[in-house]
């Protein structure tokens, strides 16, 4: 069983950037796909399989940052 402190140390946030401007931060990738209403934006299942950050999708970038 993990403690609250261990969960907070392992927590990440996702930062959505467009044209080098931070648009929003999210706790998970699903919320990003619900937020962006662009049909050319990749699906949640495509984003989950990406292992390298930042994820580049046309003019959008998704960074995975440590939660402090």
C-alpha atoms as a PDB file:
ATOM      1  CA  UNK A   1       0.000   0.000   0.000  1.00  0.00           C
ATOM      2  CA  UNK A   2       1.380   3.384  -0.941  1.00  0.00           C
ATOM      3  CA  UNK A   3       1.178   6.325   1.383  1.00  0.00           C
ATOM      4  CA  UNK A   4      -0.240   9.727   0.565  1.00  0.00           C
ATOM      5  CA  UNK A   5       3.262  11.192   0.543  1.00  0.00           C
ATOM      6  CA  UNK A   6       4.489   8.575  -1.977  1.00  0.00           C
ATOM      7  CA  UNK A   7       1.507   9.218  -4.274  1.00  0.00           C
ATOM      8  CA  UNK A   8       2.165  12.981  -4.241  1.00  0.00           C
ATOM      9  CA  UNK A   9       5.862  12.411  -4.990  1.00  0.00           C
ATOM     10  CA  UNK A  10       4.916  10.312  -8.053  1.00  0.00           C
ATOM     11  CA  UNK A  11       2.203  12.657  -9.338  1.00  0.00           C
ATOM     12  CA  UNK A  12       2.508  14.384 -12.727  1.00  0.00           C
ATOM     13  CA  UNK A  13       0.532  17.101 -14.496  1.00  0.00           C
ATOM     14  CA  UNK A  14       0.147  17.624 -18.220  1.00  0.00           C
ATOM     15  CA  UNK A  15       0.671  21.101 -19.651  1.00  0.00           C
ATOM     16  CA  UNK A  16      -1.003  21.986 -22.935  1.00  0.00           C
ATOM     17  CA  UNK A  17       0.925  24.527 -25.030  1.00  0.00           C
ATOM     18  CA  UNK A  18      -0.028  26.136 -28.334  1.00  0.00           C
ATOM     19  CA  UNK A  19       2.356  28.480 -30.182  1.00  0.00           C
ATOM     20  CA  UNK A  20       4.631  28.618 -27.096  1.00  0.00           C
ATOM     21  CA  UNK A  21       1.763  29.877 -24.894  1.00  0.00           C
ATOM     22  CA  UNK A  22       0.521  27.756 -22.003  1.00  0.00           C
ATOM     23  CA  UNK A  23      -3.175  27.108 -22.527  1.00  0.00           C
ATOM     24  CA  UNK A  24      -4.018  24.915 -19.530  1.00  0.00           C
ATOM     25  CA  UNK A  25      -2.796  22.236 -17.142  1.00  0.00           C
ATOM     26  CA  UNK A  26      -4.534  18.898 -16.659  1.00  0.00           C
ATOM     27  CA  UNK A  27      -4.283  15.964 -14.294  1.00  0.00           C
ATOM     28  CA  UNK A  28      -4.671  13.388 -17.062  1.00  0.00           C
ATOM     29  CA  UNK A  29      -4.567  13.012 -20.837  1.00  0.00           C
ATOM     30  CA  UNK A  30      -8.276  12.205 -21.166  1.00  0.00           C
ATOM     31  CA  UNK A  31      -9.173  15.729 -20.037  1.00  0.00           C
ATOM     32  CA  UNK A  32      -6.936  17.191 -22.746  1.00  0.00           C
ATOM     33  CA  UNK A  33      -8.707  15.239 -25.488  1.00  0.00           C
ATOM     34  CA  UNK A  34     -12.080  16.387 -24.122  1.00  0.00           C
ATOM     35  CA  UNK A  35     -10.871  20.008 -23.987  1.00  0.00           C
ATOM     36  CA  UNK A  36      -9.614  20.204 -27.583  1.00  0.00           C
ATOM     37  CA  UNK A  37     -12.421  20.135 -30.140  1.00  0.00           C
ATOM     38  CA  UNK A  38     -10.202  19.588 -33.194  1.00  0.00           C
ATOM     39  CA  UNK A  39     -10.907  16.510 -35.338  1.00  0.00           C
ATOM     40  CA  UNK A  40      -7.225  16.337 -36.370  1.00  0.00           C
ATOM     41  CA  UNK A  41      -6.070  16.069 -32.741  1.00  0.00           C
ATOM     42  CA  UNK A  42      -5.016  12.519 -31.772  1.00  0.00           C
ATOM     43  CA  UNK A  43      -7.326  10.387 -29.663  1.00  0.00           C
ATOM     44  CA  UNK A  44      -6.720   9.533 -26.035  1.00  0.00           C
ATOM     45  CA  UNK A  45      -5.615   6.012 -26.961  1.00  0.00           C
ATOM     46  CA  UNK A  46      -3.018   7.373 -29.371  1.00  0.00           C
ATOM     47  CA  UNK A  47      -1.637   9.782 -26.758  1.00  0.00           C
ATOM     48  CA  UNK A  48      -1.404   7.106 -24.063  1.00  0.00           C
ATOM     49  CA  UNK A  49       0.936   5.012 -26.217  1.00  0.00           C
ATOM     50  CA  UNK A  50       3.407   7.870 -26.662  1.00  0.00           C
ATOM     51  CA  UNK A  51       6.443   7.429 -24.429  1.00  0.00           C
ATOM     52  CA  UNK A  52       8.404  10.589 -25.238  1.00  0.00           C
ATOM     53  CA  UNK A  53       7.514  14.056 -24.057  1.00  0.00           C
ATOM     54  CA  UNK A  54       6.680  16.600 -25.256  1.00  0.00           C
ATOM     55  CA  UNK A  55       3.990  15.059 -27.424  1.00  0.00           C
ATOM     56  CA  UNK A  56       3.675  17.032 -30.652  1.00  0.00           C
ATOM     57  CA  UNK A  57       0.298  17.196 -32.402  1.00  0.00           C
ATOM     58  CA  UNK A  58       0.144  19.808 -35.194  1.00  0.00           C
ATOM     59  CA  UNK A  59       0.425  23.172 -33.377  1.00  0.00           C
ATOM     60  CA  UNK A  60      -0.179  21.629 -29.932  1.00  0.00           C
ATOM     61  CA  UNK A  61       2.461  20.366 -27.494  1.00  0.00           C
ATOM     62  CA  UNK A  62       1.838  18.350 -24.342  1.00  0.00           C
ATOM     63  CA  UNK A  63       4.466  18.367 -21.619  1.00  0.00           C
ATOM     64  CA  UNK A  64       4.521  16.001 -18.650  1.00  0.00           C
ATOM     65  CA  UNK A  65       5.744  17.858 -15.564  1.00  0.00           C
ATOM     66  CA  UNK A  66       6.367  16.778 -11.999  1.00  0.00           C
ATOM     67  CA  UNK A  67       3.770  17.960  -9.465  1.00  0.00           C
ATOM     68  CA  UNK A  68       5.305  19.939  -6.600  1.00  0.00           C
END
